[in-house]
Amino acid sequence: MPKPQYYVYVVELSKRVFTENAKFRNANPQFNGVLQCLYVGMTSTSPRERFAQHKSGYISKKGHKISSKLVEKYGLYLRPSLYNHLNPLPNRAAALKMEEALALELRRKRYAVWYN
């Protein structure tokens, strides 16, 4: 059985998330409204498949909802130019580390970013 590969991905969110979601707004005091609102995640499926899971409110085989409510409600489309150069990643630990690093880098650039 082949070893799974992992990926980081970025979803552009509607700017409504900034005005409608206090947690998102509070997490992004650096945001000046010029750039976009983004969600950064990691996955062992393709970014396209993971985005589709978020938008559909995906529930796992064990009955757990594993989609982000922010992406389900506000997700517009993937932003591959922000993540393609980073993929694939060799393991889950590397993907989690890259997810955080990418999110913080995008925040430094003044995007509004949510990640787990």
Protein backbone atom coordinates (compact mmCIF):
# COMPACT_ATOMS: atom_id res chain seq x y z
CA MET A 1 0.00 0.00 0.00
CA PRO A 2 1.53 3.36 -1.00
CA LYS A 3 2.35 5.87 1.69
CA PRO A 4 -0.16 8.75 1.66
CA GLN A 5 0.98 12.18 0.61
CA TYR A 6 -0.23 15.33 2.28
CA TYR A 7 -1.05 18.75 0.90
CA VAL A 8 -1.61 22.27 2.17
CA TYR A 9 -4.26 24.34 0.43
CA VAL A 10 -5.75 27.82 0.52
CA VAL A 11 -9.40 28.76 0.01
CA GLU A 12 -10.50 32.29 -0.70
CA LEU A 13 -13.41 33.28 1.52
CA SER A 14 -16.04 35.91 0.94
CA LYS A 15 -15.12 39.12 2.76
CA ARG A 16 -18.49 38.79 4.54
CA VAL A 17 -16.70 36.40 6.91
CA PHE A 18 -14.79 39.36 8.34
CA THR A 19 -17.92 41.35 9.16
CA GLU A 20 -20.14 38.42 10.16
CA ASN A 21 -17.75 36.25 12.21
CA ALA A 22 -16.27 37.80 15.35
CA LYS A 23 -13.74 34.98 15.93
CA PHE A 24 -12.38 35.42 12.41
CA ARG A 25 -12.25 39.21 12.82
CA ASN A 26 -10.53 38.98 16.23
CA ALA A 27 -7.91 36.59 14.85
CA ASN A 28 -6.95 39.12 12.17
CA PRO A 29 -6.34 42.56 13.69
CA GLN A 30 -3.72 43.25 10.97
CA PHE A 31 -6.31 43.05 8.17
CA ASN A 32 -6.95 46.36 6.42
CA GLY A 33 -9.64 45.20 3.97
CA VAL A 34 -7.45 45.46 0.88
CA LEU A 35 -6.41 41.82 0.38
CA GLN A 36 -8.60 38.72 0.62
CA CYS A 37 -9.88 36.58 3.46
CA LEU A 38 -8.38 33.08 3.34
CA TYR A 39 -8.64 29.66 4.93
CA VAL A 40 -5.48 27.53 5.10
CA GLY A 41 -5.78 23.80 5.62
CA MET A 42 -3.99 20.50 5.15
CA THR A 43 -5.26 17.23 3.76
CA SER A 44 -4.32 13.72 2.67
CA THR A 45 -6.73 13.99 -0.26
CA SER A 46 -6.34 16.40 -3.16
CA PRO A 47 -7.03 20.06 -2.36
CA ARG A 48 -9.89 19.98 -4.88
CA GLU A 49 -11.51 16.98 -3.17
CA ARG A 50 -11.06 18.54 0.29
CA PHE A 51 -12.63 21.81 -0.87
CA ALA A 52 -15.64 19.84 -2.18
CA GLN A 53 -15.92 18.11 1.22
CA HIS A 54 -15.95 21.47 3.00
CA LYS A 55 -18.62 22.90 0.70
CA SER A 56 -20.85 19.85 1.12
CA GLY A 57 -20.62 19.77 4.93
CA TYR A 58 -18.81 16.41 4.77
CA ILE A 59 -19.49 13.91 7.55
CA SER A 60 -16.96 11.11 8.13
CA LYS A 61 -17.82 7.41 8.17
CA LYS A 62 -17.81 7.63 11.98
CA GLY A 63 -20.48 10.34 11.88
CA HIS A 64 -18.21 13.30 12.68
CA LYS A 65 -18.51 16.53 10.73
CA ILE A 66 -15.01 17.25 9.46
CA SER A 67 -15.68 20.22 7.24
CA SER A 68 -15.02 23.79 8.25
CA LYS A 69 -18.15 25.86 8.79
CA LEU A 70 -16.23 28.91 7.53
CA VAL A 71 -15.41 27.24 4.21
CA GLU A 72 -18.87 25.68 3.93
CA LYS A 73 -20.54 29.09 4.31
CA TYR A 74 -17.98 31.56 2.90
CA GLY A 75 -15.64 29.49 0.68
CA LEU A 76 -15.43 30.77 -2.89
CA TYR A 77 -12.61 28.85 -4.60
CA LEU A 78 -9.12 27.42 -4.19
CA ARG A 79 -6.08 29.70 -4.58
CA PRO A 80 -3.45 27.27 -5.99
CA SER A 81 -0.95 30.04 -6.75
CA LEU A 82 -0.53 30.42 -2.97
CA TYR A 83 0.19 26.74 -2.23
CA ASN A 84 1.07 24.60 -5.28
CA HIS A 85 4.81 25.19 -4.88
CA LEU A 86 4.70 23.67 -1.38
CA ASN A 87 3.12 20.31 -2.28
CA PRO A 88 3.22 17.37 -1.82
CA LEU A 89 4.47 16.99 1.74
CA PRO A 90 5.90 13.70 3.04
CA ASN A 91 3.82 13.22 6.19
CA ARG A 92 1.13 14.63 8.43
CA ALA A 93 3.60 16.32 10.79
CA ALA A 94 5.24 18.19 7.91
CA ALA A 95 1.82 19.20 6.57
CA LEU A 96 0.67 20.54 9.95
CA LYS A 97 3.89 22.54 10.30
CA MET A 98 3.55 23.93 6.77
CA GLU A 99 -0.14 24.78 7.32
CA GLU A 100 0.78 27.01 10.27
CA ALA A 101 3.83 28.52 8.54
CA LEU A 102 1.82 29.37 5.41
CA ALA A 103 -1.05 30.87 7.43
CA LEU A 104 1.31 33.07 9.44
CA GLU A 105 3.20 34.13 6.30
CA LEU A 106 -0.07 35.17 4.63
CA ARG A 107 -1.09 37.10 7.76
CA ARG A 108 2.23 38.95 7.70
CA LYS A 109 1.37 39.95 4.14
CA ARG A 110 -1.90 41.41 5.56
CA TYR A 111 -4.36 38.79 4.37
CA ALA A 112 -7.06 37.81 6.87
CA VAL A 113 -6.41 34.10 7.54
CA TRP A 114 -8.05 31.27 9.45
CA TYR A 115 -6.34 27.94 10.13
CA ASN A 116 -6.69 25.23 12.78
